[in-house]
Protein backbone atom coordinates (compact mmCIF):
# COMPACT_ATOMS: atom_id res chain seq x y z
CA UNK A 1 125.01 104.17 97.88
CA UNK A 2 121.73 105.72 98.99
CA UNK A 3 119.79 104.43 101.96
CA UNK A 4 116.71 104.06 99.73
CA UNK A 5 118.59 101.75 97.37
CA UNK A 6 120.05 99.74 100.25
CA UNK A 7 116.57 99.32 101.71
CA UNK A 8 115.28 98.14 98.32
CA UNK A 9 118.04 95.53 98.16
CA UNK A 10 117.38 94.36 101.73
CA UNK A 11 113.63 94.04 101.12
CA UNK A 12 114.18 92.12 97.88
CA UNK A 13 112.61 94.85 95.76
CA UNK A 14 115.77 94.89 93.65
CA UNK A 15 117.12 91.42 92.92
CA UNK A 16 119.74 89.77 90.76
CA UNK A 17 118.32 88.73 87.39
CA UNK A 18 120.65 86.56 85.33
CA UNK A 19 118.64 86.99 82.12
CA UNK A 20 118.67 90.78 82.39
CA UNK A 21 121.28 91.60 79.78
CA UNK A 22 119.59 89.31 77.28
CA UNK A 23 116.19 90.93 77.87
CA UNK A 24 117.29 94.58 77.95
CA UNK A 25 116.84 95.08 74.17
CA UNK A 26 113.29 93.69 74.40
CA UNK A 27 112.50 96.25 77.10
CA UNK A 28 113.72 99.02 74.79
CA UNK A 29 111.41 97.69 72.08
CA UNK A 30 108.51 97.81 74.55
CA UNK A 31 109.46 101.35 75.54
CA UNK A 32 109.56 102.41 71.87
CA UNK A 33 106.19 100.81 71.21
CA UNK A 34 104.62 102.47 74.27
CA UNK A 35 106.03 105.84 73.21
CA UNK A 36 104.67 105.50 69.67
CA UNK A 37 101.23 104.57 71.04
CA UNK A 38 101.41 107.55 73.42
CA UNK A 39 102.10 109.90 70.50
CA UNK A 40 99.05 108.59 68.66
CA UNK A 41 96.91 108.83 71.77
CA UNK A 42 98.17 112.37 72.36
CA UNK A 43 97.32 113.28 68.75
CA UNK A 44 93.80 111.99 69.45
CA UNK A 45 93.62 114.42 72.42
CA UNK A 46 93.27 111.59 74.95
CA UNK A 47 95.71 113.18 77.39
CA UNK A 48 94.84 111.00 80.35
CA UNK A 49 95.68 107.78 78.55
CA UNK A 50 98.69 109.36 76.81
CA UNK A 51 100.07 110.34 80.23
CA UNK A 52 99.79 106.75 81.40
CA UNK A 53 101.39 105.39 78.22
CA UNK A 54 104.22 107.92 78.44
CA UNK A 55 105.06 106.79 81.95
CA UNK A 56 105.24 103.18 80.84
CA UNK A 57 107.53 104.13 77.95
CA UNK A 58 109.85 105.69 80.52
CA UNK A 59 109.39 102.78 82.94
CA UNK A 60 110.45 100.24 80.30
CA UNK A 61 113.42 102.43 79.31
CA UNK A 62 114.52 102.50 82.95
CA UNK A 63 113.89 98.79 83.34
CA UNK A 64 116.13 98.12 80.32
CA UNK A 65 118.90 100.01 82.11
CA UNK A 66 118.36 97.94 85.24
CA UNK A 67 118.30 94.72 83.22
CA UNK A 68 121.63 95.72 81.68
CA UNK A 69 123.06 95.42 85.20
CA UNK A 70 121.47 91.96 85.57
CA UNK A 71 119.00 93.32 88.12
CA UNK A 72 115.21 93.30 88.31
CA UNK A 73 112.81 95.52 90.23
CA UNK A 74 109.73 94.59 92.20
CA UNK A 75 108.73 98.19 92.93
CA UNK A 76 108.42 101.32 90.80
CA UNK A 77 109.88 103.32 93.69
CA UNK A 78 112.88 100.99 93.89
CA UNK A 79 113.41 101.13 90.14
CA UNK A 80 113.86 104.89 90.45
CA UNK A 81 116.15 104.47 93.47
CA UNK A 82 118.27 101.96 91.53
CA UNK A 83 118.52 104.17 88.45
CA UNK A 84 119.65 107.04 90.67
CA UNK A 85 122.50 104.99 92.19
CA UNK A 86 123.54 103.02 89.11
CA UNK A 87 123.25 105.68 86.42
CA UNK A 88 122.78 109.18 87.82
CA UNK A 89 125.38 109.00 90.59
CA UNK A 90 127.83 107.49 88.08
CA UNK A 91 127.02 110.38 85.71
CA UNK A 92 125.79 108.15 82.89
CA UNK A 93 122.26 109.60 83.03
CA UNK A 94 121.43 113.26 83.67
CA UNK A 95 119.52 113.92 86.88
CA UNK A 96 116.94 115.84 84.81
CA UNK A 97 115.87 112.58 83.17
CA UNK A 98 115.52 110.86 86.53
CA UNK A 99 113.42 113.79 87.73
CA UNK A 100 111.30 113.45 84.60
CA UNK A 101 110.79 109.75 85.34
CA UNK A 102 109.66 110.61 88.87
CA UNK A 103 107.32 113.30 87.53
CA UNK A 104 105.92 110.83 84.98
CA UNK A 105 105.28 108.32 87.77
CA UNK A 106 103.49 110.97 89.81
CA UNK A 107 101.40 112.22 86.88
CA UNK A 108 100.53 108.66 85.85
CA UNK A 109 99.24 107.98 89.34
CA UNK A 110 97.21 111.21 89.28
CA UNK A 111 95.71 110.30 85.91
CA UNK A 112 95.15 106.63 86.66
CA UNK A 113 93.96 106.80 90.27
CA UNK A 114 92.35 110.24 90.56
CA UNK A 115 91.29 111.05 86.99
CA UNK A 116 93.43 114.23 87.05
CA UNK A 117 95.74 115.19 84.20
CA UNK A 118 96.70 118.19 82.07
CA UNK A 119 97.58 118.82 78.47
CA UNK A 120 100.72 120.70 79.59
CA UNK A 121 101.91 117.83 81.78
CA UNK A 122 101.33 115.39 78.97
CA UNK A 123 103.25 117.54 76.47
CA UNK A 124 106.17 117.97 78.85
CA UNK A 125 106.32 114.24 79.54
CA UNK A 126 106.18 113.34 75.87
CA UNK A 127 109.44 115.21 75.22
CA UNK A 128 111.01 113.76 78.38
CA UNK A 129 110.07 110.22 77.37
CA UNK A 130 111.69 110.69 73.96
CA UNK A 131 114.85 111.99 75.63
CA UNK A 132 114.87 109.20 78.23
CA UNK A 133 114.49 106.48 75.62
CA UNK A 134 117.20 107.99 73.43
CA UNK A 135 119.60 108.20 76.38
CA UNK A 136 118.79 104.63 77.49
CA UNK A 137 119.57 103.38 73.98
CA UNK A 138 122.80 105.36 73.93
CA UNK A 139 123.87 103.92 77.29
CA UNK A 140 122.96 100.33 76.41
CA UNK A 141 124.64 100.38 73.04
CA UNK A 142 127.90 101.65 74.54
CA UNK A 143 128.12 99.05 77.32
């Protein structure tokens, strides 16, 4: 178990959440909705907002995975740390998708906080978000 994940547990940034399994499907619905909105926003050439929406599609996909373990995050950083330990290290989720989630988080912050984004970054993330959501659904429906 990584030190980052242990620190998140100690600080209460990852906590037990008894309603998690029941709410995981709702999180996938939110992720799907965010992804569909991101595609429309991308088609409208609003790449800044599409980048932000894409991250949240991935965030909700990851949160659904965390909920499936009856856990809840109180930090985007800790969500990523938890997904690494619970799904990547157990080889249920490819590391490339975790890296894409981290990149999406970084690009969302750049777009949201500094008004910096790129068409190429947005395009790359759009494909990654589709893949992440598909893999999250696959994992959740085989648990």
